[in-house]
Each structure stands twice: as structure tokens, then as C-alpha cells.
Protein backbone atom coordinates (compact mmCIF):
# COMPACT_ATOMS: atom_id res chain seq x y z
CA MET A 1 0.00 0.00 0.00
CA LYS A 2 2.85 2.39 0.86
CA ARG A 3 4.43 1.71 -2.54
CA LYS A 4 1.16 2.40 -4.38
CA ASN A 5 0.48 5.59 -2.41
CA GLY A 6 3.99 6.90 -3.08
CA LYS A 7 3.71 6.34 -6.83
CA THR A 8 0.22 7.83 -6.96
CA ARG A 9 1.25 10.91 -4.99
CA ALA A 10 4.19 11.61 -7.30
CA ALA A 11 2.00 11.23 -10.40
CA ALA A 12 -0.81 13.39 -8.94
CA LEU A 13 1.58 16.26 -8.13
CA SER A 14 2.83 16.08 -11.71
CA VAL A 15 -0.75 16.45 -13.01
CA LEU A 16 -1.36 19.53 -10.83
CA ALA A 17 1.92 21.15 -11.93
CA ALA A 18 1.12 20.50 -15.60
CA ALA A 19 -2.35 22.04 -15.26
CA GLY A 20 -0.92 25.20 -13.71
CA LEU A 21 1.72 25.58 -16.41
CA VAL A 22 -0.83 25.13 -19.22
CA ALA A 23 -3.01 27.95 -17.89
CA MET A 24 -0.08 30.28 -17.30
CA LYS A 25 1.66 29.70 -20.66
CA LEU A 26 -1.55 29.90 -22.66
CA ALA A 27 -2.53 33.22 -21.10
CA VAL A 28 0.87 34.81 -21.68
CA GLY A 29 1.29 33.28 -25.15
CA LEU A 30 -2.05 34.65 -26.36
CA ALA A 31 -1.35 38.04 -24.80
CA THR A 32 2.10 38.42 -26.40
CA GLY A 33 1.62 36.47 -29.64
CA SER A 34 4.82 34.50 -28.94
CA LEU A 35 4.82 31.25 -30.90
CA GLY A 36 7.59 29.99 -28.66
CA ILE A 37 5.40 30.39 -25.57
CA LEU A 38 2.29 29.10 -27.40
CA SER A 39 4.25 26.04 -28.51
CA GLU A 40 5.28 25.55 -24.91
CA ALA A 41 1.62 25.90 -23.86
CA LEU A 42 0.62 23.14 -26.29
CA HIS A 43 3.56 21.08 -25.11
CA SER A 44 2.38 21.54 -21.50
CA LEU A 45 -1.19 20.63 -22.51
CA LEU A 46 0.08 17.32 -23.82
CA ASP A 47 2.22 17.06 -20.69
CA PHE A 48 -1.01 17.34 -18.72
CA ALA A 49 -2.63 14.58 -20.78
CA ALA A 50 0.47 12.40 -20.44
CA ALA A 51 0.65 13.03 -16.68
CA ALA A 52 -3.05 12.12 -16.34
CA ILE A 53 -2.44 8.90 -18.28
CA THR A 54 0.56 8.13 -16.07
CA LEU A 55 -1.53 8.73 -12.94
CA SER A 56 -4.14 6.25 -14.17
CA ALA A 57 -1.43 3.77 -15.17
CA VAL A 58 0.36 3.74 -11.81
CA LYS A 59 -2.97 3.28 -10.03
CA MET A 60 -3.79 0.25 -12.17
CA SER A 61 -0.33 -1.30 -12.57
CA ASP A 62 -0.09 -2.55 -8.97
CA LYS A 63 -3.41 -4.39 -9.11
CA PRO A 64 -2.84 -8.07 -8.34
CA ALA A 65 -3.08 -10.78 -10.97
CA ASP A 66 -6.53 -12.13 -11.72
CA LYS A 67 -8.11 -14.82 -13.91
CA GLU A 68 -7.94 -12.62 -17.01
CA HIS A 69 -4.48 -11.12 -16.29
CA ASN A 70 -2.41 -13.99 -14.91
CA PHE A 71 0.82 -11.98 -14.90
CA GLY A 72 -0.65 -8.88 -13.27
CA HIS A 73 -1.18 -5.42 -14.76
CA GLY A 74 2.40 -4.10 -14.89
CA LYS A 75 2.42 -3.71 -18.69
CA ILE A 76 -0.04 -0.83 -18.29
CA GLU A 77 2.95 1.32 -17.32
CA ASN A 78 4.78 0.43 -20.55
CA PHE A 79 1.65 1.15 -22.58
CA SER A 80 1.27 4.48 -20.81
CA ALA A 81 4.84 5.43 -21.73
CA LEU A 82 4.12 4.61 -25.39
CA ILE A 83 0.98 6.77 -25.44
CA GLU A 84 2.97 9.61 -23.89
CA ALA A 85 5.57 9.36 -26.65
CA LEU A 86 2.91 9.38 -29.37
CA LEU A 87 1.31 12.48 -27.85
CA LEU A 88 4.67 14.21 -27.98
CA PHE A 89 5.08 13.36 -31.66
CA ALA A 90 1.71 15.00 -32.30
CA THR A 91 2.94 18.19 -30.64
CA CYS A 92 5.75 18.59 -33.11
CA ALA A 93 3.58 18.66 -36.22
CA TRP A 94 1.71 21.80 -35.17
CA ILE A 95 4.81 23.59 -33.83
CA VAL A 96 6.84 23.07 -37.01
CA TRP A 97 3.89 23.93 -39.29
CA GLU A 98 3.09 27.20 -37.51
CA ALA A 99 6.75 28.23 -37.17
CA ALA A 100 7.43 27.58 -40.86
CA ARG A 101 4.27 29.48 -41.84
CA ARG A 102 5.29 32.52 -39.81
CA LEU A 103 8.83 32.52 -41.16
CA TYR A 104 7.57 32.14 -44.76
CA LEU A 105 4.99 34.92 -44.44
CA GLY A 106 7.26 37.14 -42.38
CA ASN A 107 4.64 37.30 -39.62
CA THR A 108 7.09 36.99 -36.73
CA GLU A 109 6.48 40.19 -34.77
CA ILE A 110 5.71 39.51 -31.10
CA GLU A 111 5.34 41.50 -27.91
CA VAL A 112 8.04 40.71 -25.37
CA GLY A 113 7.61 41.93 -21.82
CA PHE A 114 8.06 41.01 -18.19
CA TRP A 115 5.43 38.24 -18.21
CA SER A 116 7.00 36.60 -21.26
CA PHE A 117 10.23 36.03 -19.37
CA ALA A 118 8.48 35.34 -16.06
CA VAL A 119 6.30 32.48 -17.36
CA VAL A 120 9.22 30.71 -19.03
CA SER A 121 11.46 31.14 -15.96
CA ILE A 122 8.72 29.83 -13.64
CA SER A 123 8.19 26.90 -16.02
CA ILE A 124 11.86 25.99 -15.84
CA LEU A 125 11.84 26.04 -12.02
CA VAL A 126 8.65 23.96 -11.81
CA ASP A 127 9.97 21.40 -14.31
CA ILE A 128 13.23 21.05 -12.39
CA GLY A 129 11.28 20.33 -9.20
CA ARG A 130 8.85 17.82 -10.65
CA SER A 131 11.46 16.07 -12.78
CA ARG A 132 13.61 15.42 -9.70
CA SER A 133 10.60 14.33 -7.66
CA LEU A 134 9.39 11.92 -10.36
CA MET A 135 12.84 10.42 -10.94
CA LYS A 136 13.30 9.86 -7.21
CA ALA A 137 9.94 8.07 -7.05
CA ALA A 138 10.67 6.12 -10.26
CA ARG A 139 13.93 4.77 -8.86
CA LYS A 140 12.41 3.99 -5.47
CA TYR A 141 9.41 2.12 -6.88
CA LYS A 142 11.00 0.80 -10.13
CA SER A 143 8.27 2.51 -12.16
CA GLN A 144 8.83 2.88 -15.90
CA ALA A 145 5.80 5.16 -16.26
CA LEU A 146 7.16 7.60 -13.65
CA GLU A 147 10.62 7.36 -15.19
CA ALA A 148 9.17 8.24 -18.60
CA ASP A 149 7.42 11.23 -17.05
CA ALA A 150 10.65 12.34 -15.34
CA LEU A 151 12.62 12.09 -18.59
CA HIS A 152 9.85 13.93 -20.40
CA PHE A 153 9.88 16.84 -17.96
CA SER A 154 13.67 17.03 -17.86
CA THR A 155 13.55 17.77 -21.60
CA ASP A 156 10.90 20.43 -20.93
CA ILE A 157 13.62 22.28 -19.03
CA LEU A 158 15.81 22.29 -22.12
CA SER A 159 12.97 23.30 -24.45
CA SER A 160 11.99 26.16 -22.12
CA CYS A 161 15.59 27.36 -22.18
CA VAL A 162 15.42 27.39 -25.99
CA VAL A 163 12.24 29.50 -25.83
CA LEU A 164 13.88 31.84 -23.30
CA PHE A 165 16.77 32.34 -25.71
CA GLY A 166 14.29 33.14 -28.49
CA LEU A 167 12.56 35.75 -26.30
CA ILE A 168 15.88 37.39 -25.47
CA CYS A 169 16.70 37.63 -29.17
CA ALA A 170 13.21 38.96 -29.95
CA SER A 171 13.61 41.67 -27.29
CA MET A 172 16.74 42.77 -29.16
CA GLY A 173 14.85 43.11 -32.44
CA PHE A 174 15.30 39.60 -33.89
CA ASP A 175 11.62 38.59 -33.93
CA SER A 176 12.19 35.57 -36.17
CA ALA A 177 14.26 34.02 -33.38
CA ASP A 178 11.00 33.13 -31.59
CA SER A 179 9.80 30.94 -34.49
CA ILE A 180 13.26 29.42 -34.84
CA ALA A 181 13.24 28.65 -31.10
CA ALA A 182 9.86 26.95 -31.51
CA ILE A 183 11.35 24.67 -34.17
CA GLY A 184 14.18 23.97 -31.73
CA VAL A 185 11.59 22.86 -29.17
CA ALA A 186 10.04 20.54 -31.77
CA ILE A 187 13.40 18.94 -32.56
CA ILE A 188 14.03 18.29 -28.86
CA VAL A 189 10.55 16.78 -28.48
CA VAL A 190 11.05 14.47 -31.48
CA ILE A 191 14.31 13.11 -30.09
CA VAL A 192 12.84 12.47 -26.65
CA SER A 193 9.66 10.96 -28.10
CA PHE A 194 11.66 8.50 -30.17
CA ARG A 195 13.62 7.35 -27.12
CA LEU A 196 10.49 6.99 -25.00
CA SER A 197 8.60 5.08 -27.68
CA LYS A 198 11.53 2.72 -28.31
CA ARG A 199 11.86 1.84 -24.63
CA ALA A 200 8.10 1.34 -24.30
CA VAL A 201 7.91 -0.90 -27.38
CA ASP A 202 10.94 -2.92 -26.19
CA SER A 203 9.17 -3.58 -22.88
CA LEU A 204 5.87 -4.45 -24.54
CA LEU A 205 7.72 -6.92 -26.79
CA ASP A 206 9.39 -8.45 -23.70
CA LYS A 207 12.92 -7.41 -24.64
CA ALA A 208 15.28 -8.27 -21.78
CA PRO A 209 16.46 -5.13 -19.95
CA GLU A 210 19.97 -4.28 -21.07
CA GLY A 211 22.65 -6.06 -19.06
CA MET A 212 20.21 -7.81 -16.70
CA ARG A 213 20.52 -11.27 -18.25
CA GLU A 214 24.32 -11.23 -17.93
CA LYS A 215 24.17 -10.06 -14.32
CA ILE A 216 21.65 -12.75 -13.36
CA SER A 217 23.85 -15.38 -15.05
CA ASP A 218 26.76 -14.20 -12.91
CA ILE A 219 24.63 -14.49 -9.75
CA ILE A 220 23.57 -18.05 -10.67
CA ARG A 221 27.14 -19.13 -11.50
CA SER A 222 28.42 -17.79 -8.18
CA THR A 223 25.74 -19.61 -6.15
CA ASP A 224 27.13 -22.64 -4.30
CA GLY A 225 25.55 -25.90 -5.41
CA VAL A 226 24.73 -24.85 -8.98
CA ILE A 227 26.60 -27.02 -11.47
CA LYS A 228 25.26 -25.22 -14.54
CA SER A 229 22.20 -23.38 -15.81
CA HIS A 230 20.35 -22.91 -19.09
CA ASP A 231 17.20 -21.43 -20.66
CA LEU A 232 17.44 -18.17 -18.70
CA ARG A 233 14.63 -15.81 -19.71
CA VAL A 234 14.18 -12.26 -18.45
CA ARG A 235 11.55 -9.59 -19.10
CA SER A 236 10.25 -6.48 -17.39
CA ASN A 237 6.63 -6.12 -16.36
CA GLY A 238 5.92 -2.56 -15.30
CA GLY A 239 7.85 -1.99 -12.09
CA SER A 240 8.89 -5.62 -11.62
CA ASN A 241 10.84 -8.33 -13.44
CA GLU A 242 9.90 -11.86 -14.47
CA ILE A 243 12.71 -14.42 -14.59
CA ASP A 244 12.74 -18.11 -15.55
CA VAL A 245 15.80 -20.37 -15.43
CA ASN A 246 16.77 -24.05 -15.26
CA ILE A 247 19.61 -25.05 -12.96
CA HIS A 248 21.45 -28.38 -12.55
CA VAL A 249 22.40 -29.65 -9.09
CA ASP A 250 23.98 -32.76 -7.59
CA PRO A 251 21.38 -35.58 -7.90
CA SER A 252 22.29 -36.84 -4.43
CA LEU A 253 20.90 -33.70 -2.78
CA SER A 254 17.61 -33.91 -0.90
CA ILE A 255 14.59 -31.92 -2.07
CA LEU A 256 15.10 -29.50 0.83
CA GLU A 257 18.78 -28.97 -0.03
CA ALA A 258 18.00 -28.36 -3.70
CA HIS A 259 15.23 -25.97 -2.74
CA GLU A 260 17.62 -24.02 -0.52
CA ILE A 261 19.88 -23.44 -3.56
CA SER A 262 16.87 -22.08 -5.45
CA ASP A 263 16.00 -19.79 -2.52
CA ARG A 264 19.54 -18.38 -2.41
CA ILE A 265 19.34 -17.52 -6.11
CA GLU A 266 15.97 -15.81 -5.65
CA ARG A 267 17.18 -13.78 -2.65
CA ALA A 268 20.31 -12.66 -4.50
CA VAL A 269 18.38 -11.62 -7.61
CA ARG A 270 15.78 -9.66 -5.64
CA SER A 271 18.53 -7.99 -3.64
CA LYS A 272 20.10 -6.83 -6.90
CA PHE A 273 17.02 -5.96 -8.99
CA GLY A 274 14.16 -5.41 -6.54
CA ARG A 275 10.64 -6.72 -7.18
CA SER A 276 10.90 -9.89 -9.24
CA THR A 277 8.90 -13.01 -9.95
CA ILE A 278 11.46 -15.83 -10.23
CA ASN A 279 10.81 -19.38 -11.36
CA VAL A 280 13.77 -21.72 -10.85
CA HIS A 281 13.40 -25.22 -12.30
CA ILE A 282 15.80 -27.69 -10.67
CA GLU A 283 17.23 -30.66 -12.60
CA PRO A 284 19.66 -33.38 -11.50
CA GLU A 285 23.05 -33.24 -13.21
CA CYS A 286 23.30 -36.60 -14.98
CA GLY A 287 25.90 -36.22 -17.70
CA SER A 288 25.79 -33.65 -20.51
CA HIS A 289 22.65 -31.65 -21.32
CA GLU A 290 21.79 -30.80 -24.90
CA HIS A 291 20.53 -27.25 -25.52
């Protein structure tokens, strides 16, 4: 329960922060005509949608397995991360289209004032705070959905800095810098979206987390009583891992002794990787084993 409440609290705070930023950026963007700020407002609107999806995902992902979902609901977090990435891709189309249209038509004049700089500066500070909070919760609870949100908002910091640069240039008479900055935001969003979508798809397709299989093999090899192992399979499932492996032990061991070897492997793996469902199949070592 503590784990679920911690994840939900982090996601809920992210939703509230996103809602506040949308309202603030939209008001200032419409008042000044800054495409950079308007693009940031749209970006924050999709942030709000993504944060809401993440909040729903983390609430559902810790539901226990049932008759229809025998392996639990952890994949909801991976699916949430994929939806978030797709929403970000959608943001880019409008930003690039509007920026290109303004540059082509020469309609780049904007009004730069105190509130233009204030809203972007506040946005940067808020994104720094929520990105750190989300990443801390993601690492504590092994949540891919929260990690995706944290990575997303860390890039918002960079995109806001690009917009701030555009406003500074516009205040010096280079109005087209605002539209160019907006395109810069779109490029950043595309890069981040691609990374998020790739990680989400890899998890949905049960790709083994990078380096985990090798590390688990090392743990098994170093466990006393294991003669050899084979058919190791690893996949992530939301905030947990699912691991299957066959090990060979001395056939003279009792069932209790063989089971103790299995328990040591499970304890070592969980100590290293956190929440994990581990199935260890024990076989007697009777000569060579064909793979």
C-alpha cells in the first residue's frame, strides 16, 4: 500500500503542476503572440494529458493478478509510456507547421515583456522540481511510467531554455528568433519521443532489460551448489521483473537442499534488482545436457 500511495502521490503532483503551467503559458502566449510560448503551452497541454495517463497507469499497474491477467497489470505502465511518446510526436507537427508558416509569411512580430520572461522562468523552475521528484519516485518504486514522465519533464527544461533564448533575441529586435526557437523545441521533443517510444515498445515486446541477463547469469554461476544453468529468460513487467531459469544440481541432494539453492538464487536476484517473480526449475546433473 505504501508503494502504491507513493507512486500515486508523485504522479498526482505532476498532473497539478502540468495544469498550472498550461493555464499560465496559454494566457501569456495569447497576450504576447509569442509562438515559442504558445508552442510551450501546447507542449504543456500534452504534458497534462500524459501526466493524467501516467496517474491512471500507476494506479492500475499494482493491481494483483486475476483470472484474465495472470501476470498482473504491470504492462499498463509500458503502454502508458508509449501513449505519452505518441502524444509528444503529435505536438511537433503543429509547432513546425506554424513556425514555418510565420517565417515564410514574415509574420514573426511579437510582444516581449516582463510576463514573457516570467512564465518561461517559472516553467523551468517547476519542471526542475517535478522532474527530480518523479525520478526519485521512479527509482524507489522501479516505475517505468514515472521514469518516462521524469525524462519527459527534464527535456521540458531544455525546451523552455530554448524559448527563453528566443525571447531574449526577440527583445533585441530579432523577432524571427521566436519561431526558430519553436522549431528547436520541436526537434528536442522528437528526439525524446523517439527514445520513450523505443523503450516502451521494447518492454511491450518483452525485450530483456539491457545487461540484466548477464548479471543474473553471474549471480547463478556464483551460487554454491549450482553445477550449470540454461534457458534463462528475463523480461520487465511494469515496475517488476519476471525471470525463468533451469539449474542443474547434484542428484544426491535432498529436495530440501535443492530448494535451498533455489531460494539463495531468488534472494540474491531480488537484492540486486528489486521486485521480481522468479521461477527456478531444478534438474539433477546426470551427464551432458543438450541445448
